[in-house]
Amino acid sequence: MPVSAANVMVGAADQETTGAILNHDVGQTKPANALDVLSGYKDSGYISSDGLTLTPEYNTTDITEWNGALVRRIIESFNGTLSWAHLETDEESLRIWAGDVNVEEATAEVGKTITAALGAHEHPHRAWAFRIKDGERRILIWVPDGQVTDAGEVTFTKSGAITWPVTLSTYPDDAGNCIYIILTDGTVVGG
């Protein structure tokens, strides 16, 4: 297959109608394409300019022959993580960063108050969707079962926005897959 510059994509956030990072209860149906409507998913708001990082990690064991030459490598485990930093400081970003049950919202005469409590609390498992675009082309990264397992360091300075970094661990679905990457080129067939 010949090389083609048309196959080089950028990873801009696709947030024309919603945010680029969405979540829902576990048990959602896998989208058929990157343009599918994701009904009922919650929008996570703006994400920092560092974007989204997907890290696949394979743990392997080498099998060598008598003289030490590698003859086979066995995959022992897979760990896929996604990480990003929320740029908005609001109830939804804090629910993702600190955990749903650890965030409370109240309204009083002083205005809306959000309280996030930190401790040794597990975050809920959710289905996740990450929307990426380049012109008419779209990428949808879909995680059928993911759990925030790391809330990163937060820096409070006058010279920069507060961000709420998180790392999402992924777990296998019934087919044994943790992450789906769905590409759609935007070319309408027929018409």
Protein backbone atom coordinates (compact mmCIF):
# COMPACT_ATOMS: atom_id res chain seq x y z
CA MET A 1 0.00 0.00 0.00
CA PRO A 2 1.47 3.39 -0.95
CA VAL A 3 2.04 6.04 1.70
CA SER A 4 -0.53 8.84 1.87
CA ALA A 5 -0.38 12.15 3.71
CA ALA A 6 -4.21 11.96 3.85
CA ASN A 7 -3.80 9.22 6.47
CA VAL A 8 -1.98 11.56 8.85
CA MET A 9 -4.44 12.75 11.50
CA VAL A 10 -4.38 15.25 14.32
CA GLY A 11 -6.12 14.57 17.61
CA ALA A 12 -8.36 17.59 18.18
CA ALA A 13 -11.28 17.35 20.57
CA ASP A 14 -14.62 16.78 18.85
CA GLN A 15 -16.93 18.88 20.96
CA GLU A 16 -19.26 20.57 18.50
CA THR A 17 -22.42 19.50 20.35
CA THR A 18 -21.06 18.03 23.61
CA GLY A 19 -17.73 17.66 25.32
CA ALA A 20 -15.08 15.37 23.93
CA ILE A 21 -15.07 13.11 27.01
CA LEU A 22 -18.34 11.47 28.01
CA ASN A 23 -19.37 8.83 30.55
CA HIS A 24 -22.38 6.64 31.32
CA ASP A 25 -23.32 3.61 33.39
CA VAL A 26 -21.51 0.36 32.56
CA GLY A 27 -23.50 -1.89 30.21
CA GLN A 28 -23.82 0.42 27.20
CA THR A 29 -23.82 -0.95 23.65
CA LYS A 30 -20.61 -0.46 21.67
CA PRO A 31 -21.08 2.32 19.10
CA ALA A 32 -21.11 1.13 15.47
CA ASN A 33 -19.13 4.14 14.23
CA ALA A 34 -17.47 7.30 15.49
CA LEU A 35 -20.49 9.44 14.58
CA ASP A 36 -23.05 7.46 16.59
CA VAL A 37 -25.24 9.47 18.95
CA LEU A 38 -24.38 8.56 22.52
CA SER A 39 -27.67 9.08 24.34
CA GLY A 40 -27.57 9.57 28.09
CA TYR A 41 -23.79 10.07 28.33
CA LYS A 42 -22.62 12.91 30.64
CA ASP A 43 -20.34 15.61 29.28
CA SER A 44 -17.05 16.09 31.14
CA GLY A 45 -16.44 19.68 29.99
CA TYR A 46 -13.25 21.28 28.75
CA ILE A 47 -10.01 19.30 28.87
CA SER A 48 -6.56 20.92 29.13
CA SER A 49 -4.43 21.55 26.05
CA ASP A 50 -2.36 18.46 26.92
CA GLY A 51 -5.27 16.46 25.48
CA LEU A 52 -5.88 12.77 26.01
CA THR A 53 -3.19 10.12 26.44
CA LEU A 54 -3.90 6.43 25.77
CA THR A 55 -1.28 4.07 27.23
CA PRO A 56 -1.47 0.38 26.33
CA GLU A 57 0.77 -1.75 28.55
CA TYR A 58 1.52 -5.39 27.83
CA ASN A 59 3.30 -7.48 30.46
CA THR A 60 5.15 -10.35 28.83
CA THR A 61 7.31 -13.35 29.64
CA ASP A 62 10.10 -14.43 27.32
CA ILE A 63 10.77 -18.04 26.45
CA THR A 64 14.33 -18.66 25.36
CA GLU A 65 16.04 -21.69 23.98
CA TRP A 66 19.05 -23.38 25.57
CA ASN A 67 21.53 -20.86 24.15
CA GLY A 68 19.45 -17.88 25.25
CA ALA A 69 17.84 -16.91 21.93
CA LEU A 70 14.27 -15.63 22.20
CA VAL A 71 11.85 -18.13 20.65
CA ARG A 72 8.56 -16.85 21.98
CA ARG A 73 7.06 -14.00 23.98
CA ILE A 74 3.85 -14.68 25.94
CA ILE A 75 1.42 -11.91 26.92
CA GLU A 76 0.68 -12.34 30.61
CA SER A 77 -1.53 -9.31 31.10
CA PHE A 78 -2.80 -6.12 29.49
CA ASN A 79 -3.41 -2.82 31.22
CA GLY A 80 -4.83 0.04 29.18
CA THR A 81 -5.12 3.49 30.73
CA LEU A 82 -6.30 6.85 29.49
CA SER A 83 -5.34 10.08 31.18
CA TRP A 84 -6.37 13.71 30.86
CA ALA A 85 -6.80 16.84 32.96
CA HIS A 86 -10.09 18.66 33.39
CA LEU A 87 -9.78 22.36 32.68
CA GLU A 88 -13.13 23.29 34.19
CA THR A 89 -13.60 23.44 37.95
CA ASP A 90 -17.21 22.40 38.42
CA GLU A 91 -19.34 19.65 39.91
CA GLU A 92 -18.82 17.16 37.03
CA SER A 93 -15.02 17.56 36.87
CA LEU A 94 -14.78 17.14 40.65
CA ARG A 95 -17.07 14.06 40.55
CA ILE A 96 -14.69 12.44 38.07
CA TRP A 97 -11.56 13.57 39.97
CA ALA A 98 -12.75 12.79 43.54
CA GLY A 99 -15.50 10.18 42.89
CA ASP A 100 -19.26 10.58 42.50
CA VAL A 101 -20.25 9.92 46.11
CA ASN A 102 -17.50 12.19 47.44
CA VAL A 103 -18.90 15.39 45.92
CA GLU A 104 -21.90 17.31 47.25
CA GLU A 105 -23.60 20.36 45.85
CA ALA A 106 -25.74 22.77 47.86
CA THR A 107 -27.24 26.20 47.30
CA ALA A 108 -27.61 28.71 50.08
CA GLU A 109 -27.75 32.46 50.56
CA VAL A 110 -24.02 32.59 49.78
CA GLY A 111 -24.50 30.87 46.41
CA LYS A 112 -23.78 27.43 45.01
CA THR A 113 -21.31 25.40 47.09
CA ILE A 114 -19.56 22.24 45.91
CA THR A 115 -17.67 20.12 48.43
CA ALA A 116 -15.25 17.37 47.35
CA ALA A 117 -14.01 14.95 50.02
CA LEU A 118 -10.76 13.04 49.50
CA GLY A 119 -9.96 9.72 51.12
CA ALA A 120 -9.47 6.04 50.45
CA HIS A 121 -12.65 5.72 48.38
CA GLU A 122 -13.00 3.75 45.15
CA HIS A 123 -14.41 5.50 42.11
CA PRO A 124 -17.38 3.98 40.28
CA HIS A 125 -17.06 1.91 37.12
CA ARG A 126 -18.47 3.73 34.06
CA ALA A 127 -18.60 3.38 30.28
CA TRP A 128 -16.48 6.11 28.64
CA ALA A 129 -16.37 7.72 25.19
CA PHE A 130 -13.62 10.01 23.89
CA ARG A 131 -14.43 11.97 20.70
CA ILE A 132 -11.59 13.12 18.42
CA LYS A 133 -11.77 14.86 15.04
CA ASP A 134 -9.69 15.91 12.08
CA GLY A 135 -11.84 17.64 9.45
CA GLU A 136 -14.61 15.20 8.49
CA ARG A 137 -12.74 12.23 9.97
CA ARG A 138 -13.57 11.09 13.46
CA ILE A 139 -12.10 8.78 16.07
CA LEU A 140 -14.16 7.42 18.92
CA ILE A 141 -12.26 5.71 21.72
CA TRP A 142 -14.81 3.68 23.64
CA VAL A 143 -14.22 2.02 27.01
CA PRO A 144 -17.01 -0.37 28.05
CA ASP A 145 -15.82 -0.48 31.68
CA GLY A 146 -13.43 2.09 33.11
CA GLN A 147 -12.64 3.35 36.58
CA VAL A 148 -10.69 6.42 37.65
CA THR A 149 -7.86 4.92 39.69
CA ASP A 150 -5.61 7.95 40.04
CA ALA A 151 -6.44 11.58 40.75
CA GLY A 152 -3.33 13.54 39.88
CA GLU A 153 -1.58 16.42 41.52
CA VAL A 154 -3.38 19.80 41.44
CA THR A 155 -1.42 23.04 41.41
CA PHE A 156 -2.99 26.34 42.47
CA THR A 157 -1.19 29.33 40.94
CA LYS A 158 -2.13 32.82 39.79
CA SER A 159 -0.48 32.31 36.40
CA GLY A 160 -2.35 29.23 35.17
CA ALA A 161 -5.68 27.47 35.16
CA ILE A 162 -6.38 24.88 37.85
CA THR A 163 -6.57 21.43 36.27
CA TRP A 164 -7.93 18.18 37.71
CA PRO A 165 -5.84 15.32 36.22
CA VAL A 166 -7.15 11.76 36.25
CA THR A 167 -6.08 8.33 35.05
CA LEU A 168 -8.72 5.87 33.92
CA SER A 169 -8.02 2.14 34.23
CA THR A 170 -9.90 -0.13 31.81
CA TYR A 171 -11.38 -3.56 32.34
CA PRO A 172 -12.28 -6.24 29.77
CA ASP A 173 -15.78 -6.71 28.38
CA ASP A 174 -17.33 -10.07 27.50
CA ALA A 175 -15.15 -10.22 24.36
CA GLY A 176 -11.98 -9.65 26.43
CA ASN A 177 -11.42 -6.11 25.09
CA CYS A 178 -10.72 -3.10 27.30
CA ILE A 179 -10.58 -0.32 24.71
CA TYR A 180 -12.12 0.11 21.25
CA ILE A 181 -10.73 2.61 18.73
CA ILE A 182 -13.37 3.34 16.09
CA LEU A 183 -12.34 5.33 12.99
CA THR A 184 -14.87 6.92 10.63
CA ASP A 185 -13.64 8.81 7.56
CA GLY A 186 -16.78 10.97 7.07
CA THR A 187 -17.27 9.88 3.45
CA VAL A 188 -20.99 9.33 2.91
CA VAL A 189 -21.70 6.24 0.81
CA GLY A 190 -24.66 6.44 -1.60
CA GLY A 191 -26.82 9.47 -1.38
